Amino acid sequence: MTLLVPLYVHPAADPEAWRLVTGAGERVHGVVLNPADGPGPAPDPAFLSAARALRAAGTLVLGYVDLDYGMRPEAAVTGDLDRHRDWYGADGCFFDQVPADRSALPRCRRLVRAARQRGAGTVVLNHGVHPAPGYARIADLLVTFEGPWPVYLSSFTRPRWTARHPPERFCHLVYEVPTALAGVAARAAGERGAAVSCAVAGSLPNPWDAPPPALYGEAP
């Protein structure tokens, strides 16, 4: 089990959080870099330093790009990809709010191809739910659950098609997890077919403003 960490807090506001994630080594699959719901209007020196430190530690830097469930113009999406690459040297991208239906697959395939052409070695699609099976053929990692712990416990189901792919292709992002249950949440992800996960105690509107308790050694 490895961690995909969306760390949506400014490095100057919580430098210890960034040091902790940077020092986690192979426990972290990658870190989602999100200066301003994307790369922002100009390079941010604090995020430049954070990205440089992550890469030096051998951790994937994934630039956050919002698809707005297919509503954002493609030029805006590719512009974000270019800025993440040019400013922060991103190793790949984390497409957020990705549509899950089959009809959106051709457009998503074009965007993934555009990311690859721009040097993205790793492409993550965050649907937050299980998408149509075809999405598994175009991305390296699918986030097939994002939501609160009570919903994860009560409502999660796993479609049969997921069994055709290794668990390393799936990720679950769970928030509102009591700190004492962070280890339980990680084990639950593994049992539900995801070898990559992140369980945090935070809640909306931004549950991802701190590292997961697992990195603090607080997960049993």
Protein backbone atom coordinates (compact mmCIF):
# COMPACT_ATOMS: atom_id res chain seq x y z
CA MET A 1 0.00 0.00 0.00
CA THR A 2 1.33 3.43 -0.96
CA LEU A 3 -0.04 6.92 -0.50
CA LEU A 4 -1.21 9.44 -3.07
CA VAL A 5 -1.16 12.72 -1.15
CA PRO A 6 -3.22 15.71 -2.29
CA LEU A 7 -1.53 18.39 -0.16
CA TYR A 8 -3.61 21.51 -0.65
CA VAL A 9 -1.88 23.87 1.74
CA HIS A 10 0.68 26.55 0.90
CA PRO A 11 4.25 25.52 1.79
CA ALA A 12 4.77 28.84 3.60
CA ALA A 13 1.67 28.25 5.71
CA ASP A 14 2.68 24.75 6.81
CA PRO A 15 6.30 24.02 5.93
CA GLU A 16 6.39 21.07 8.35
CA ALA A 17 3.66 19.32 6.36
CA TRP A 18 5.73 19.57 3.21
CA ARG A 19 8.90 18.42 4.98
CA LEU A 20 7.04 15.42 6.34
CA VAL A 21 5.70 14.37 2.94
CA THR A 22 9.04 15.00 1.25
CA GLY A 23 10.80 12.79 3.78
CA ALA A 24 8.33 9.90 3.47
CA GLY A 25 10.26 8.22 0.66
CA GLU A 26 8.74 5.15 -0.98
CA ARG A 27 5.65 5.28 1.22
CA VAL A 28 4.35 8.09 -1.02
CA HIS A 29 3.30 7.19 -4.56
CA GLY A 30 3.05 10.86 -5.49
CA VAL A 31 2.06 14.33 -4.30
CA VAL A 32 -0.57 16.45 -6.00
CA LEU A 33 0.78 19.99 -6.46
CA ASN A 34 -2.06 22.51 -6.41
CA PRO A 35 -0.93 26.13 -6.00
CA ALA A 36 -4.25 27.76 -6.96
CA ASP A 37 -6.83 25.22 -8.17
CA GLY A 38 -4.23 24.56 -10.83
CA PRO A 39 -0.80 26.09 -11.49
CA GLY A 40 -2.01 29.64 -10.83
CA PRO A 41 -1.36 32.82 -12.84
CA ALA A 42 2.39 32.93 -12.16
CA PRO A 43 5.08 30.69 -10.66
CA ASP A 44 4.99 30.57 -6.86
CA PRO A 45 8.52 30.42 -5.38
CA ALA A 46 7.37 28.37 -2.37
CA PHE A 47 5.81 25.72 -4.60
CA LEU A 48 8.88 25.79 -6.84
CA SER A 49 11.03 24.89 -3.84
CA ALA A 50 8.56 22.25 -2.67
CA ALA A 51 8.42 20.60 -6.10
CA ARG A 52 12.20 20.64 -6.36
CA ALA A 53 12.55 18.97 -2.96
CA LEU A 54 10.00 16.29 -3.82
CA ARG A 55 11.73 15.43 -7.08
CA ALA A 56 15.11 15.29 -5.32
CA ALA A 57 13.58 12.81 -2.87
CA GLY A 58 12.37 10.64 -5.76
CA THR A 59 8.67 11.45 -5.22
CA LEU A 60 6.37 12.01 -8.18
CA VAL A 61 5.07 15.56 -8.55
CA LEU A 62 1.60 15.56 -10.12
CA GLY A 63 0.23 18.87 -11.32
CA TYR A 64 -3.42 19.50 -10.43
CA VAL A 65 -5.66 20.16 -13.45
CA ASP A 66 -9.42 20.63 -13.08
CA LEU A 67 -11.59 19.21 -15.87
CA ASP A 68 -14.84 20.49 -14.31
CA TYR A 69 -16.55 17.25 -15.39
CA GLY A 70 -15.76 17.96 -19.03
CA MET A 71 -16.91 21.58 -19.04
CA ARG A 72 -13.50 23.31 -19.20
CA PRO A 73 -12.24 24.23 -22.69
CA GLU A 74 -9.43 22.02 -23.89
CA ALA A 75 -7.17 25.05 -24.38
CA ALA A 76 -7.52 25.91 -20.69
CA VAL A 77 -6.66 22.34 -19.71
CA THR A 78 -3.59 22.13 -21.94
CA GLY A 79 -2.50 25.58 -20.72
CA ASP A 80 -2.50 24.25 -17.16
CA LEU A 81 -0.50 21.22 -18.26
CA ASP A 82 2.10 23.48 -19.90
CA ARG A 83 2.43 25.69 -16.82
CA HIS A 84 2.82 22.77 -14.44
CA ARG A 85 5.57 21.39 -16.67
CA ASP A 86 7.35 24.66 -17.39
CA TRP A 87 7.12 26.21 -13.92
CA TYR A 88 7.22 23.27 -11.53
CA GLY A 89 8.77 20.47 -13.58
CA ALA A 90 5.79 18.22 -12.88
CA ASP A 91 6.39 14.53 -13.57
CA GLY A 92 2.74 13.97 -14.41
CA CYS A 93 -0.76 15.28 -13.87
CA PHE A 94 -3.72 14.76 -11.59
CA PHE A 95 -6.89 15.40 -13.57
CA ASP A 96 -9.64 16.27 -11.09
CA GLN A 97 -13.42 16.24 -11.50
CA VAL A 98 -13.17 13.84 -14.42
CA PRO A 99 -16.45 12.67 -15.98
CA ALA A 100 -17.15 8.98 -15.53
CA ASP A 101 -19.61 8.20 -18.34
CA ARG A 102 -18.62 6.46 -21.55
CA SER A 103 -19.71 9.35 -23.76
CA ALA A 104 -16.96 11.59 -22.32
CA LEU A 105 -14.22 9.02 -22.94
CA PRO A 106 -13.09 10.30 -26.40
CA ARG A 107 -12.54 13.82 -25.08
CA CYS A 108 -10.75 12.54 -22.02
CA ARG A 109 -8.58 10.34 -24.22
CA ARG A 110 -7.51 13.45 -26.18
CA LEU A 111 -6.58 15.25 -22.98
CA VAL A 112 -4.58 12.32 -21.69
CA ARG A 113 -2.79 12.14 -25.04
CA ALA A 114 -2.05 15.87 -24.77
CA ALA A 115 -0.61 15.31 -21.30
CA ARG A 116 1.61 12.49 -22.57
CA GLN A 117 2.82 14.64 -25.44
CA ARG A 118 3.82 17.28 -22.88
CA GLY A 119 5.95 14.78 -20.99
CA ALA A 120 3.54 13.52 -18.34
CA GLY A 121 4.95 10.16 -17.31
CA THR A 122 2.06 9.50 -14.92
CA VAL A 123 -1.57 10.42 -15.51
CA VAL A 124 -4.09 10.13 -12.69
CA LEU A 125 -7.82 10.47 -13.33
CA ASN A 126 -9.93 11.42 -10.32
CA HIS A 127 -13.50 10.40 -11.07
CA GLY A 128 -14.33 9.93 -7.40
CA VAL A 129 -16.50 6.98 -8.46
CA HIS A 130 -15.96 3.94 -10.66
CA PRO A 131 -16.05 5.16 -14.28
CA ALA A 132 -16.83 3.29 -17.46
CA PRO A 133 -14.23 0.51 -17.93
CA GLY A 134 -12.57 2.21 -20.91
CA TYR A 135 -10.95 4.84 -18.71
CA ALA A 136 -8.66 2.20 -17.22
CA ARG A 137 -7.00 1.83 -20.63
CA ILE A 138 -5.90 5.46 -20.88
CA ALA A 139 -4.59 6.32 -17.39
CA ASP A 140 -1.96 5.01 -15.01
CA LEU A 141 -4.14 5.40 -11.92
CA LEU A 142 -7.87 5.84 -11.40
CA VAL A 143 -9.29 7.42 -8.25
CA THR A 144 -12.50 5.42 -7.94
CA PHE A 145 -13.59 6.79 -4.59
CA GLU A 146 -13.33 10.23 -3.04
CA GLY A 147 -15.61 10.99 -0.15
CA PRO A 148 -16.24 10.78 3.59
CA TRP A 149 -15.50 7.75 5.72
CA PRO A 150 -19.14 6.95 6.60
CA VAL A 151 -20.04 6.78 2.90
CA TYR A 152 -16.97 4.65 2.17
CA LEU A 153 -18.09 2.20 4.83
CA SER A 154 -21.75 2.06 3.87
CA SER A 155 -22.01 2.64 0.12
CA PHE A 156 -18.82 1.53 -1.64
CA THR A 157 -19.27 -1.15 -4.29
CA ARG A 158 -16.69 -2.58 -6.67
CA PRO A 159 -17.71 -3.37 -10.28
CA ARG A 160 -16.61 -6.70 -11.70
CA TRP A 161 -14.48 -5.14 -14.43
CA THR A 162 -11.99 -3.83 -11.87
CA ALA A 163 -10.84 -7.39 -11.16
CA ARG A 164 -9.23 -7.44 -14.63
CA HIS A 165 -6.68 -4.84 -13.47
CA PRO A 166 -4.06 -4.95 -10.71
CA PRO A 167 -4.82 -3.02 -7.51
CA GLU A 168 -1.91 -0.68 -8.26
CA ARG A 169 -4.17 0.92 -10.89
CA PHE A 170 -6.74 2.11 -8.32
CA CYS A 171 -6.74 4.73 -5.58
CA HIS A 172 -9.23 5.64 -2.84
CA LEU A 173 -9.23 9.08 -1.21
CA VAL A 174 -11.15 9.10 2.05
CA TYR A 175 -11.71 12.01 4.43
CA GLU A 176 -13.37 12.44 7.80
CA VAL A 177 -11.50 9.35 8.97
CA PRO A 178 -10.92 9.38 12.74
CA THR A 179 -7.17 9.43 13.29
CA ALA A 180 -7.30 6.21 15.28
CA LEU A 181 -8.88 4.47 12.27
CA ALA A 182 -6.41 5.64 9.62
CA GLY A 183 -4.78 2.20 9.54
CA VAL A 184 -8.17 0.55 9.27
CA ALA A 185 -8.99 2.80 6.29
CA ALA A 186 -5.76 1.83 4.54
CA ARG A 187 -6.46 -1.86 5.04
CA ALA A 188 -10.02 -1.38 3.82
CA ALA A 189 -8.72 0.17 0.59
CA GLY A 190 -6.52 -2.84 0.02
CA GLU A 191 -9.38 -5.21 0.65
CA ARG A 192 -11.49 -3.22 -1.81
CA GLY A 193 -8.98 -3.49 -4.62
CA ALA A 194 -6.93 -0.28 -4.31
CA ALA A 195 -3.20 -0.45 -3.61
CA VAL A 196 -2.97 3.35 -3.46
CA SER A 197 -4.94 5.43 -0.99
CA CYS A 198 -5.01 8.41 1.34
CA ALA A 199 -7.05 8.67 4.54
CA VAL A 200 -7.27 12.00 6.38
CA ALA A 201 -9.25 13.41 9.27
CA GLY A 202 -10.14 16.67 7.52
CA SER A 203 -13.53 17.59 6.13
CA LEU A 204 -14.97 19.80 3.42
CA PRO A 205 -14.42 22.35 1.99
CA ASN A 206 -10.75 21.29 1.98
CA PRO A 207 -10.01 17.97 3.70
CA TRP A 208 -6.57 17.83 2.08
CA ASP A 209 -4.89 20.67 3.97
CA ALA A 210 -2.69 18.33 6.05
CA PRO A 211 -0.72 15.13 5.47
CA PRO A 212 -2.37 11.79 6.27
CA PRO A 213 -1.91 10.56 9.86
CA ALA A 214 -0.04 7.54 8.48
CA LEU A 215 2.95 9.81 7.87
CA TYR A 216 2.94 10.99 11.46
CA GLY A 217 3.12 7.44 12.69
CA GLU A 218 -0.35 7.84 14.18
CA ALA A 219 -2.05 5.14 12.17
CA PRO A 220 -2.22 1.88 14.13
